[in-house]
Amino acid sequence: MADLLLSALIPAVLRKAADSLFQRIGEMWGINDQREKLHNMLLEIQAVLPDAEEQGNSNVAVKSWLEKLKSAAYDADDLLDEFFYEELHQDAVRRGHKVGNWEVKESCGEG
């Protein structure tokens, strides 16, 4: 089941990295080279993912790689979401919309 999530997550992150809004953000913020590297890397991962998921059932090293990949994919997805949010936020401010100032508190995992 976890593999199924990874199979769905990689294409979703790939679509975000290829999105025209993120391409414009990349150009405006000077990070387009990194965006292109991410996009190309995701294409390569997507090409080998089915074989890796199959091997992950019997190969501990591949299973570990898949877990690390899943974590990195979630991080990339979160980062892309933050870029999209920031661009939409700045666009709203440029258009004269009043935008609230939210304080984001990070959880340290302590409980």
PDB file of N, CA and C in Angstrom:
ATOM      1  N   MET A   1       0.819  -1.192   0.000  1.00  0.00           N
ATOM      2  CA  MET A   1       0.000   0.000   0.000  1.00  0.00           C
ATOM      3  C   MET A   1       0.867   1.262   0.000  1.00  0.00           C
ATOM      4  N   ALA A   2       1.973   1.217   0.769  1.00  0.00           N
ATOM      5  CA  ALA A   2       2.859   2.381   0.801  1.00  0.00           C
ATOM      6  C   ALA A   2       3.449   2.644  -0.577  1.00  0.00           C
ATOM      7  N   ASP A   3       3.748   1.557  -1.310  1.00  0.00           N
ATOM      8  CA  ASP A   3       4.272   1.711  -2.663  1.00  0.00           C
ATOM      9  C   ASP A   3       3.265   2.409  -3.561  1.00  0.00           C
ATOM     10  N   LEU A   4       1.993   2.080  -3.377  1.00  0.00           N
ATOM     11  CA  LEU A   4       0.942   2.714  -4.163  1.00  0.00           C
ATOM     12  C   LEU A   4       0.952   4.220  -3.949  1.00  0.00           C
ATOM     13  N   LEU A   5       1.156   4.652  -2.716  1.00  0.00           N
ATOM     14  CA  LEU A   5       1.214   6.081  -2.437  1.00  0.00           C
ATOM     15  C   LEU A   5       2.377   6.732  -3.172  1.00  0.00           C
ATOM     16  N   LEU A   6       3.511   6.071  -3.208  1.00  0.00           N
ATOM     17  CA  LEU A   6       4.685   6.612  -3.898  1.00  0.00           C
ATOM     18  C   LEU A   6       4.426   6.681  -5.398  1.00  0.00           C
ATOM     19  N   SER A   7       3.762   5.673  -5.933  1.00  0.00           N
ATOM     20  CA  SER A   7       3.437   5.677  -7.361  1.00  0.00           C
ATOM     21  C   SER A   7       2.513   6.830  -7.726  1.00  0.00           C
ATOM     22  N   ALA A   8       1.688   7.259  -6.809  1.00  0.00           N
ATOM     23  CA  ALA A   8       0.804   8.397  -7.052  1.00  0.00           C
ATOM     24  C   ALA A   8       1.494   9.720  -6.738  1.00  0.00           C
ATOM     25  N   LEU A   9       2.383   9.711  -5.760  1.00  0.00           N
ATOM     26  CA  LEU A   9       3.034  10.944  -5.320  1.00  0.00           C
ATOM     27  C   LEU A   9       4.025  11.480  -6.352  1.00  0.00           C
ATOM     28  N   ILE A  10       4.849  10.636  -6.922  1.00  0.00           N
ATOM     29  CA  ILE A  10       5.873  11.091  -7.870  1.00  0.00           C
ATOM     30  C   ILE A  10       5.241  11.808  -9.068  1.00  0.00           C
ATOM     31  N   PRO A  11       4.208  11.241  -9.709  1.00  0.00           N
ATOM     32  CA  PRO A  11       3.590  11.981 -10.822  1.00  0.00           C
ATOM     33  C   PRO A  11       2.967  13.312 -10.395  1.00  0.00           C
ATOM     34  N   ALA A  12       2.436  13.366  -9.173  1.00  0.00           N
ATOM     35  CA  ALA A  12       1.844  14.622  -8.688  1.00  0.00           C
ATOM     36  C   ALA A  12       2.918  15.694  -8.512  1.00  0.00           C
ATOM     37  N   VAL A  13       4.051  15.325  -7.941  1.00  0.00           N
ATOM     38  CA  VAL A  13       5.157  16.277  -7.768  1.00  0.00           C
ATOM     39  C   VAL A  13       5.716  16.662  -9.136  1.00  0.00           C
ATOM     40  N   LEU A  14       5.779  15.709 -10.029  1.00  0.00           N
ATOM     41  CA  LEU A  14       6.252  15.968 -11.388  1.00  0.00           C
ATOM     42  C   LEU A  14       5.359  16.994 -12.084  1.00  0.00           C
ATOM     43  N   ARG A  15       4.052  16.849 -11.944  1.00  0.00           N
ATOM     44  CA  ARG A  15       3.128  17.824 -12.554  1.00  0.00           C
ATOM     45  C   ARG A  15       3.333  19.212 -11.973  1.00  0.00           C
ATOM     46  N   LYS A  16       3.551  19.294 -10.660  1.00  0.00           N
ATOM     47  CA  LYS A  16       3.784  20.600 -10.043  1.00  0.00           C
ATOM     48  C   LYS A  16       5.080  21.223 -10.549  1.00  0.00           C
ATOM     49  N   ALA A  17       6.131  20.424 -10.651  1.00  0.00           N
ATOM     50  CA  ALA A  17       7.424  20.947 -11.106  1.00  0.00           C
ATOM     51  C   ALA A  17       7.361  21.414 -12.554  1.00  0.00           C
ATOM     52  N   ALA A  18       6.457  20.828 -13.332  1.00  0.00           N
ATOM     53  CA  ALA A  18       6.327  21.202 -14.742  1.00  0.00           C
ATOM     54  C   ALA A  18       5.278  22.287 -14.955  1.00  0.00           C
ATOM     55  N   ASP A  19       4.544  22.644 -13.931  1.00  0.00           N
ATOM     56  CA  ASP A  19       3.458  23.623 -14.048  1.00  0.00           C
ATOM     57  C   ASP A  19       3.984  24.964 -14.558  1.00  0.00           C
ATOM     58  N   SER A  20       3.207  25.604 -15.414  1.00  0.00           N
ATOM     59  CA  SER A  20       3.642  26.878 -16.008  1.00  0.00           C
ATOM     60  C   SER A  20       3.825  27.962 -14.949  1.00  0.00           C
ATOM     61  N   LEU A  21       3.018  27.946 -13.892  1.00  0.00           N
ATOM     62  CA  LEU A  21       3.184  28.941 -12.825  1.00  0.00           C
ATOM     63  C   LEU A  21       4.533  28.743 -12.151  1.00  0.00           C
ATOM     64  N   PHE A  22       4.894  27.490 -11.863  1.00  0.00           N
ATOM     65  CA  PHE A  22       6.176  27.259 -11.220  1.00  0.00           C
ATOM     66  C   PHE A  22       7.327  27.573 -12.154  1.00  0.00           C
ATOM     67  N   GLN A  23       7.148  27.381 -13.454  1.00  0.00           N
ATOM     68  CA  GLN A  23       8.182  27.771 -14.402  1.00  0.00           C
ATOM     69  C   GLN A  23       8.402  29.281 -14.341  1.00  0.00           C
ATOM     70  N   ARG A  24       7.307  30.045 -14.260  1.00  0.00           N
ATOM     71  CA  ARG A  24       7.440  31.503 -14.146  1.00  0.00           C
ATOM     72  C   ARG A  24       8.079  31.888 -12.822  1.00  0.00           C
ATOM     73  N   ILE A  25       7.680  31.210 -11.744  1.00  0.00           N
ATOM     74  CA  ILE A  25       8.280  31.478 -10.432  1.00  0.00           C
ATOM     75  C   ILE A  25       9.779  31.202 -10.501  1.00  0.00           C
ATOM     76  N   GLY A  26      10.138  30.076 -11.110  1.00  0.00           N
ATOM     77  CA  GLY A  26      11.549  29.714 -11.232  1.00  0.00           C
ATOM     78  C   GLY A  26      12.349  30.752 -11.983  1.00  0.00           C
ATOM     79  N   GLU A  27      11.767  31.288 -13.044  1.00  0.00           N
ATOM     80  CA  GLU A  27      12.448  32.321 -13.819  1.00  0.00           C
ATOM     81  C   GLU A  27      12.561  33.614 -13.019  1.00  0.00           C
ATOM     82  N   MET A  28      11.475  34.013 -12.350  1.00  0.00           N
ATOM     83  CA  MET A  28      11.481  35.270 -11.586  1.00  0.00           C
ATOM     84  C   MET A  28      12.427  35.208 -10.396  1.00  0.00           C
ATOM     85  N   TRP A  29      12.492  34.064  -9.739  1.00  0.00           N
ATOM     86  CA  TRP A  29      13.295  33.942  -8.529  1.00  0.00           C
ATOM     87  C   TRP A  29      14.696  33.404  -8.797  1.00  0.00           C
ATOM     88  N   GLY A  30      15.002  33.150 -10.066  1.00  0.00           N
ATOM     89  CA  GLY A  30      16.333  32.678 -10.415  1.00  0.00           C
ATOM     90  C   GLY A  30      16.609  31.244  -9.995  1.00  0.00           C
ATOM     91  N   ILE A  31      15.565  30.424  -9.930  1.00  0.00           N
ATOM     92  CA  ILE A  31      15.750  29.030  -9.526  1.00  0.00           C
ATOM     93  C   ILE A  31      15.298  28.073 -10.631  1.00  0.00           C
ATOM     94  N   ASN A  32      15.231  28.567 -11.839  1.00  0.00           N
ATOM     95  CA  ASN A  32      14.737  27.734 -12.928  1.00  0.00           C
ATOM     96  C   ASN A  32      15.661  26.543 -13.213  1.00  0.00           C
ATOM     97  N   ASP A  33      16.968  26.717 -13.057  1.00  0.00           N
ATOM     98  CA  ASP A  33      17.885  25.596 -13.263  1.00  0.00           C
ATOM     99  C   ASP A  33      17.583  24.465 -12.275  1.00  0.00           C
ATOM    100  N   GLN A  34      17.344  24.830 -11.012  1.00  0.00           N
ATOM    101  CA  GLN A  34      17.018  23.825  -9.999  1.00  0.00           C
ATOM    102  C   GLN A  34      15.662  23.184 -10.289  1.00  0.00           C
ATOM    103  N   ARG A  35      14.712  23.983 -10.790  1.00  0.00           N
ATOM    104  CA  ARG A  35      13.401  23.440 -11.137  1.00  0.00           C
ATOM    105  C   ARG A  35      13.542  22.424 -12.258  1.00  0.00           C
ATOM    106  N   GLU A  36      14.354  22.761 -13.259  1.00  0.00           N
ATOM    107  CA  GLU A  36      14.568  21.841 -14.372  1.00  0.00           C
ATOM    108  C   GLU A  36      15.268  20.558 -13.912  1.00  0.00           C
ATOM    109  N   LYS A  37      16.246  20.688 -13.009  1.00  0.00           N
ATOM    110  CA  LYS A  37      16.920  19.505 -12.475  1.00  0.00           C
ATOM    111  C   LYS A  37      15.927  18.618 -11.723  1.00  0.00           C
ATOM    112  N   LEU A  38      15.072  19.225 -10.914  1.00  0.00           N
ATOM    113  CA  LEU A  38      14.065  18.477 -10.182  1.00  0.00           C
ATOM    114  C   LEU A  38      13.126  17.768 -11.150  1.00  0.00           C
ATOM    115  N   HIS A  39      12.674  18.488 -12.151  1.00  0.00           N
ATOM    116  CA  HIS A  39      11.763  17.912 -13.137  1.00  0.00           C
ATOM    117  C   HIS A  39      12.408  16.727 -13.850  1.00  0.00           C
ATOM    118  N   ASN A  40      13.642  16.885 -14.306  1.00  0.00           N
ATOM    119  CA  ASN A  40      14.344  15.799 -15.004  1.00  0.00           C
ATOM    120  C   ASN A  40      14.592  14.603 -14.088  1.00  0.00           C
ATOM    121  N   MET A  41      14.954  14.871 -12.841  1.00  0.00           N
ATOM    122  CA  MET A  41      15.185  13.793 -11.888  1.00  0.00           C
ATOM    123  C   MET A  41      13.893  13.021 -11.628  1.00  0.00           C
ATOM    124  N   LEU A  42      12.788  13.737 -11.514  1.00  0.00           N
ATOM    125  CA  LEU A  42      11.503  13.077 -11.293  1.00  0.00           C
ATOM    126  C   LEU A  42      11.100  12.223 -12.494  1.00  0.00           C
ATOM    127  N   LEU A  43      11.409  12.694 -13.697  1.00  0.00           N
ATOM    128  CA  LEU A  43      11.139  11.893 -14.892  1.00  0.00           C
ATOM    129  C   LEU A  43      11.934  10.582 -14.859  1.00  0.00           C
ATOM    130  N   GLU A  44      13.201  10.675 -14.460  1.00  0.00           N
ATOM    131  CA  GLU A  44      14.037   9.483 -14.381  1.00  0.00           C
ATOM    132  C   GLU A  44      13.524   8.527 -13.305  1.00  0.00           C
ATOM    133  N   ILE A  45      13.134   9.071 -12.164  1.00  0.00           N
ATOM    134  CA  ILE A  45      12.606   8.241 -11.077  1.00  0.00           C
ATOM    135  C   ILE A  45      11.318   7.562 -11.512  1.00  0.00           C
ATOM    136  N   GLN A  46      10.463   8.318 -12.166  1.00  0.00           N
ATOM    137  CA  GLN A  46       9.190   7.765 -12.617  1.00  0.00           C
ATOM    138  C   GLN A  46       9.411   6.587 -13.572  1.00  0.00           C
ATOM    139  N   ALA A  47      10.464   6.662 -14.370  1.00  0.00           N
ATOM    140  CA  ALA A  47      10.752   5.605 -15.338  1.00  0.00           C
ATOM    141  C   ALA A  47      11.184   4.301 -14.656  1.00  0.00           C
ATOM    142  N   VAL A  48      11.873   4.379 -13.536  1.00  0.00           N
ATOM    143  CA  VAL A  48      12.367   3.166 -12.871  1.00  0.00           C
ATOM    144  C   VAL A  48      11.523   2.749 -11.674  1.00  0.00           C
ATOM    145  N   LEU A  49      10.575   3.575 -11.278  1.00  0.00           N
ATOM    146  CA  LEU A  49       9.795   3.313 -10.071  1.00  0.00           C
ATOM    147  C   LEU A  49       9.054   1.978 -10.097  1.00  0.00           C
ATOM    148  N   PRO A  50       8.370   1.624 -11.181  1.00  0.00           N
ATOM    149  CA  PRO A  50       7.674   0.325 -11.155  1.00  0.00           C
ATOM    150  C   PRO A  50       8.614  -0.858 -10.880  1.00  0.00           C
ATOM    151  N   ASP A  51       9.781  -0.864 -11.510  1.00  0.00           N
ATOM    152  CA  ASP A  51      10.741  -1.946 -11.258  1.00  0.00           C
ATOM    153  C   ASP A  51      11.263  -1.898  -9.825  1.00  0.00           C
ATOM    154  N   ALA A  52      11.538  -0.696  -9.346  1.00  0.00           N
ATOM    155  CA  ALA A  52      12.051  -0.560  -7.980  1.00  0.00           C
ATOM    156  C   ALA A  52      11.010  -1.025  -6.963  1.00  0.00           C
ATOM    157  N   GLU A  53       9.747  -0.677  -7.198  1.00  0.00           N
ATOM    158  CA  GLU A  53       8.705  -1.106  -6.262  1.00  0.00           C
ATOM    159  C   GLU A  53       8.585  -2.628  -6.255  1.00  0.00           C
ATOM    160  N   GLU A  54       8.723  -3.238  -7.405  1.00  0.00           N
ATOM    161  CA  GLU A  54       8.662  -4.696  -7.488  1.00  0.00           C
ATOM    162  C   GLU A  54       9.842  -5.315  -6.736  1.00  0.00           C
ATOM    163  N   GLN A  55      11.026  -4.762  -6.931  1.00  0.00           N
ATOM    164  CA  GLN A  55      12.220  -5.280  -6.256  1.00  0.00           C
ATOM    165  C   GLN A  55      12.192  -4.993  -4.764  1.00  0.00           C
ATOM    166  N   GLY A  56      11.502  -3.909  -4.375  1.00  0.00           N
ATOM    167  CA  GLY A  56      11.450  -3.533  -2.965  1.00  0.00           C
ATOM    168  C   GLY A  56      10.785  -4.572  -2.089  1.00  0.00           C
ATOM    169  N   ASN A  57       9.996  -5.447  -2.690  1.00  0.00           N
ATOM    170  CA  ASN A  57       9.348  -6.506  -1.919  1.00  0.00           C
ATOM    171  C   ASN A  57      10.340  -7.544  -1.419  1.00  0.00           C
ATOM    172  N   SER A  58      11.471  -7.695  -2.112  1.00  0.00           N
ATOM    173  CA  SER A  58      12.433  -8.730  -1.735  1.00  0.00           C
ATOM    174  C   SER A  58      13.837  -8.192  -1.462  1.00  0.00           C
ATOM    175  N   ASN A  59      14.090  -6.931  -1.772  1.00  0.00           N
ATOM    176  CA  ASN A  59      15.428  -6.364  -1.622  1.00  0.00           C
ATOM    177  C   ASN A  59      15.386  -5.241  -0.582  1.00  0.00           C
ATOM    178  N   VAL A  60      16.058  -5.475   0.533  1.00  0.00           N
ATOM    179  CA  VAL A  60      16.033  -4.522   1.650  1.00  0.00           C
ATOM    180  C   VAL A  60      16.631  -3.178   1.249  1.00  0.00           C
ATOM    181  N   ALA A  61      17.688  -3.179   0.458  1.00  0.00           N
ATOM    182  CA  ALA A  61      18.332  -1.929   0.036  1.00  0.00           C
ATOM    183  C   ALA A  61      17.387  -1.102  -0.834  1.00  0.00           C
ATOM    184  N   VAL A  62      16.677  -1.763  -1.739  1.00  0.00           N
ATOM    185  CA  VAL A  62      15.737  -1.057  -2.607  1.00  0.00           C
ATOM    186  C   VAL A  62      14.566  -0.533  -1.776  1.00  0.00           C
ATOM    187  N   LYS A  63      14.105  -1.330  -0.826  1.00  0.00           N
ATOM    188  CA  LYS A  63      13.008  -0.890   0.044  1.00  0.00           C
ATOM    189  C   LYS A  63      13.427   0.352   0.836  1.00  0.00           C
ATOM    190  N   SER A  64      14.658   0.361   1.322  1.00  0.00           N
ATOM    191  CA  SER A  64      15.172   1.527   2.049  1.00  0.00           C
ATOM    192  C   SER A  64      15.235   2.741   1.129  1.00  0.00           C
ATOM    193  N   TRP A  65      15.699   2.541  -0.112  1.00  0.00           N
ATOM    194  CA  TRP A  65      15.767   3.630  -1.088  1.00  0.00           C
ATOM    195  C   TRP A  65      14.375   4.188  -1.356  1.00  0.00           C
ATOM    196  N   LEU A  66      13.385   3.298  -1.476  1.00  0.00           N
ATOM    197  CA  LEU A  66      12.012   3.741  -1.727  1.00  0.00           C
ATOM    198  C   LEU A  66      11.479   4.578  -0.565  1.00  0.00           C
ATOM    199  N   GLU A  67      11.810   4.188   0.660  1.00  0.00           N
ATOM    200  CA  GLU A  67      11.377   4.973   1.827  1.00  0.00           C
ATOM    201  C   GLU A  67      12.028   6.356   1.829  1.00  0.00           C
ATOM    202  N   LYS A  68      13.316   6.406   1.506  1.00  0.00           N
ATOM    203  CA  LYS A  68      14.012   7.694   1.423  1.00  0.00           C
ATOM    204  C   LYS A  68      13.440   8.540   0.282  1.00  0.00           C
ATOM    205  N   LEU A  69      13.140   7.895  -0.823  1.00  0.00           N
ATOM    206  CA  LEU A  69      12.542   8.586  -1.958  1.00  0.00           C
ATOM    207  C   LEU A  69      11.188   9.156  -1.580  1.00  0.00           C
ATOM    208  N   LYS A  70      10.392   8.387  -0.857  1.00  0.00           N
ATOM    209  CA  LYS A  70       9.074   8.859  -0.443  1.00  0.00           C
ATOM    210  C   LYS A  70       9.205  10.097   0.443  1.00  0.00           C
ATOM    211  N   SER A  71      10.136  10.068   1.373  1.00  0.00           N
ATOM    212  CA  SER A  71      10.361  11.216   2.247  1.00  0.00           C
ATOM    213  C   SER A  71      10.795  12.441   1.451  1.00  0.00           C
ATOM    214  N   ALA A  72      11.725  12.240   0.509  1.00  0.00           N
ATOM    215  CA  ALA A  72      12.198  13.351  -0.327  1.00  0.00           C
ATOM    216  C   ALA A  72      11.086  13.881  -1.218  1.00  0.00           C
ATOM    217  N   ALA A  73      10.233  12.990  -1.717  1.00  0.00           N
ATOM    218  CA  ALA A  73       9.123  13.419  -2.578  1.00  0.00           C
ATOM    219  C   ALA A  73       8.125  14.256  -1.790  1.00  0.00           C
ATOM    220  N   TYR A  74       7.834  13.848  -0.555  1.00  0.00           N
ATOM    221  CA  TYR A  74       6.946  14.657   0.281  1.00  0.00           C
ATOM    222  C   TYR A  74       7.564  16.023   0.571  1.00  0.00           C
ATOM    223  N   ASP A  75       8.875  16.050   0.830  1.00  0.00           N
ATOM    224  CA  ASP A  75       9.552  17.329   1.067  1.00  0.00           C
ATOM    225  C   ASP A  75       9.485  18.217  -0.173  1.00  0.00           C
ATOM    226  N   ALA A  76       9.733  17.647  -1.342  1.00  0.00           N
ATOM    227  CA  ALA A  76       9.665  18.415  -2.589  1.00  0.00           C
ATOM    228  C   ALA A  76       8.250  18.917  -2.832  1.00  0.00           C
ATOM    229  N   ASP A  77       7.254  18.080  -2.562  1.00  0.00           N
ATOM    230  CA  ASP A  77       5.860  18.474  -2.729  1.00  0.00           C
ATOM    231  C   ASP A  77       5.522  19.646  -1.807  1.00  0.00           C
ATOM    232  N   ASP A  78       5.953  19.563  -0.555  1.00  0.00           N
ATOM    233  CA  ASP A  78       5.710  20.657   0.395  1.00  0.00           C
ATOM    234  C   ASP A  78       6.399  21.940  -0.053  1.00  0.00           C
ATOM    235  N   LEU A  79       7.640  21.825  -0.524  1.00  0.00           N
ATOM    236  CA  LEU A  79       8.386  22.995  -0.974  1.00  0.00           C
ATOM    237  C   LEU A  79       7.712  23.647  -2.177  1.00  0.00           C
ATOM    238  N   LEU A  80       7.271  22.844  -3.127  1.00  0.00           N
ATOM    239  CA  LEU A  80       6.576  23.395  -4.292  1.00  0.00           C
ATOM    240  C   LEU A  80       5.282  24.084  -3.866  1.00  0.00           C
ATOM    241  N   ASP A  81       4.573  23.490  -2.919  1.00  0.00           N
ATOM    242  CA  ASP A  81       3.360  24.130  -2.398  1.00  0.00           C
ATOM    243  C   ASP A  81       3.677  25.486  -1.774  1.00  0.00           C
ATOM    244  N   GLU A  82       4.788  25.564  -1.054  1.00  0.00           N
ATOM    245  CA  GLU A  82       5.183  26.835  -0.441  1.00  0.00           C
ATOM    246  C   GLU A  82       5.509  27.880  -1.504  1.00  0.00           C
ATOM    247  N   PHE A  83       6.187  27.483  -2.571  1.00  0.00           N
ATOM    248  CA  PHE A  83       6.468  28.415  -3.669  1.00  0.00           C
ATOM    249  C   PHE A  83       5.175  28.922  -4.299  1.00  0.00           C
ATOM    250  N   PHE A  84       4.243  27.994  -4.558  1.00  0.00           N
ATOM    251  CA  PHE A  84       2.963  28.385  -5.146  1.00  0.00           C
ATOM    252  C   PHE A  84       2.223  29.341  -4.221  1.00  0.00           C
ATOM    253  N   TYR A  85       2.181  29.008  -2.935  1.00  0.00           N
ATOM    254  CA  TYR A  85       1.488  29.863  -1.978  1.00  0.00           C
ATOM    255  C   TYR A  85       2.117  31.255  -1.955  1.00  0.00           C
ATOM    256  N   GLU A  86       3.435  31.307  -1.879  1.00  0.00           N
ATOM    257  CA  GLU A  86       4.110  32.607  -1.788  1.00  0.00           C
ATOM    258  C   GLU A  86       3.853  33.441  -3.032  1.00  0.00           C
ATOM    259  N   GLU A  87       3.874  32.813  -4.201  1.00  0.00           N
ATOM    260  CA  GLU A  87       3.612  33.561  -5.436  1.00  0.00           C
ATOM    261  C   GLU A  87       2.175  34.072  -5.457  1.00  0.00           C
ATOM    262  N   LEU A  88       1.219  33.242  -5.065  1.00  0.00           N
ATOM    263  CA  LEU A  88      -0.184  33.685  -5.014  1.00  0.00           C
ATOM    264  C   LEU A  88      -0.372  34.787  -3.988  1.00  0.00           C
ATOM    265  N   HIS A  89       0.307  34.664  -2.860  1.00  0.00           N
ATOM    266  CA  HIS A  89       0.239  35.687  -1.817  1.00  0.00           C
ATOM    267  C   HIS A  89       0.780  37.018  -2.330  1.00  0.00           C
ATOM    268  N   GLN A  90       1.955  36.981  -2.961  1.00  0.00           N
ATOM    269  CA  GLN A  90       2.547  38.209  -3.492  1.00  0.00           C
ATOM    270  C   GLN A  90       1.686  38.803  -4.598  1.00  0.00           C
ATOM    271  N   ASP A  91       1.087  37.947  -5.419  1.00  0.00           N
ATOM    272  CA  ASP A  91       0.206  38.429  -6.475  1.00  0.00           C
ATOM    273  C   ASP A  91      -1.006  39.135  -5.876  1.00  0.00           C
ATOM    274  N   ALA A  92      -1.578  38.572  -4.818  1.00  0.00           N
ATOM    275  CA  ALA A  92      -2.727  39.202  -4.162  1.00  0.00           C
ATOM    276  C   ALA A  92      -2.342  40.557  -3.582  1.00  0.00           C
ATOM    277  N   VAL A  93      -1.168  40.649  -2.989  1.00  0.00           N
ATOM    278  CA  VAL A  93      -0.698  41.922  -2.422  1.00  0.00           C
ATOM    279  C   VAL A  93      -0.484  42.940  -3.545  1.00  0.00           C
ATOM    280  N   ARG A  94       0.125  42.508  -4.653  1.00  0.00           N
ATOM    281  CA  ARG A  94       0.337  43.415  -5.784  1.00  0.00           C
ATOM    282  C   ARG A  94      -0.990  43.946  -6.321  1.00  0.00           C
ATOM    283  N   ARG A  95      -2.017  43.137  -6.264  1.00  0.00           N
ATOM    284  CA  ARG A  95      -3.332  43.551  -6.762  1.00  0.00           C
ATOM    285  C   ARG A  95      -4.105  44.388  -5.754  1.00  0.00           C
ATOM    286  N   GLY A  96      -3.510  44.619  -4.596  1.00  0.00           N
ATOM    287  CA  GLY A  96      -4.126  45.478  -3.602  1.00  0.00           C
ATOM    288  C   GLY A  96      -5.064  44.774  -2.644  1.00  0.00           C
ATOM    289  N   HIS A  97      -5.058  43.448  -2.648  1.00  0.00           N
ATOM    290  CA  HIS A  97      -5.900  42.711  -1.707  1.00  0.00           C
ATOM    291  C   HIS A  97      -5.263  42.720  -0.330  1.00  0.00           C
ATOM    292  N   LYS A  98      -6.080  42.873   0.677  1.00  0.00           N
ATOM    293  CA  LYS A  98      -5.576  42.814   2.043  1.00  0.00           C
ATOM    294  C   LYS A  98      -5.397  41.352   2.410  1.00  0.00           C
ATOM    295  N   VAL A  99      -4.195  41.009   2.775  1.00  0.00           N
ATOM    296  CA  VAL A  99      -3.871  39.622   3.079  1.00  0.00           C
ATOM    297  C   VAL A  99      -3.465  39.553   4.539  1.00  0.00           C
ATOM    298  N   GLY A 100      -4.079  38.610   5.273  1.00  0.00           N
ATOM    299  CA  GLY A 100      -3.779  38.466   6.697  1.00  0.00           C
ATOM    300  C   GLY A 100      -2.351  38.029   6.927  1.00  0.00           C
ATOM    301  N   ASN A 101      -1.846  38.350   8.091  1.00  0.00           N
ATOM    302  CA  ASN A 101      -0.496  37.980   8.478  1.00  0.00           C
ATOM    303  C   ASN A 101      -0.606  36.826   9.460  1.00  0.00           C
ATOM    304  N   TRP A 102      -0.408  35.615   8.957  1.00  0.00           N
ATOM    305  CA  TRP A 102      -0.523  34.433   9.792  1.00  0.00           C
ATOM    306  C   TRP A 102       0.840  34.033  10.312  1.00  0.00           C
ATOM    307  N   GLU A 103       0.870  33.696  11.573  1.00  0.00           N
ATOM    308  CA  GLU A 103       2.120  33.210  12.147  1.00  0.00           C
ATOM    309  C   GLU A 103       2.096  31.691  12.098  1.00  0.00           C
ATOM    310  N   VAL A 104       3.102  31.129  11.511  1.00  0.00           N
ATOM    311  CA  VAL A 104       3.177  29.677  11.411  1.00  0.00           C
ATOM    312  C   VAL A 104       4.128  29.187  12.485  1.00  0.00           C
ATOM    313  N   LYS A 105       3.638  28.293  13.318  1.00  0.00           N
ATOM    314  CA  LYS A 105       4.475  27.718  14.378  1.00  0.00           C
ATOM    315  C   LYS A 105       4.778  26.289  14.005  1.00  0.00           C
ATOM    316  N   GLU A 106       6.058  25.947  14.022  1.00  0.00           N
ATOM    317  CA  GLU A 106       6.451  24.602  13.671  1.00  0.00           C
ATOM    318  C   GLU A 106       6.435  23.730  14.924  1.00  0.00           C
ATOM    319  N   SER A 107       6.001  22.518  14.749  1.00  0.00           N
ATOM    320  CA  SER A 107       6.008  21.548  15.826  1.00  0.00           C
ATOM    321  C   SER A 107       7.398  20.937  15.914  1.00  0.00           C
ATOM    322  N   CYS A 108       7.900  20.821  17.102  1.00  0.00           N
ATOM    323  CA  CYS A 108       9.221  20.227  17.299  1.00  0.00           C
ATOM    324  C   CYS A 108       9.126  18.730  17.529  1.00  0.00           C
ATOM    325  N   GLY A 109       7.907  18.221  17.503  1.00  0.00           N
ATOM    326  CA  GLY A 109       7.748  16.792  17.741  1.00  0.00           C
ATOM    327  C   GLY A 109       7.744  16.435  19.207  1.00  0.00           C
ATOM    328  N   GLU A 110       7.764  17.432  20.073  1.00  0.00           N
ATOM    329  CA  GLU A 110       7.742  17.177  21.512  1.00  0.00           C
ATOM    330  C   GLU A 110       6.309  17.055  21.968  1.00  0.00           C
ATOM    331  N   GLY A 111       6.035  16.210  22.878  1.00  0.00           N
ATOM    332  CA  GLY A 111       4.654  16.069  23.297  1.00  0.00           C
ATOM    333  C   GLY A 111       4.521  15.650  24.627  1.00  0.00           C
TER     334      GLY A 111
END
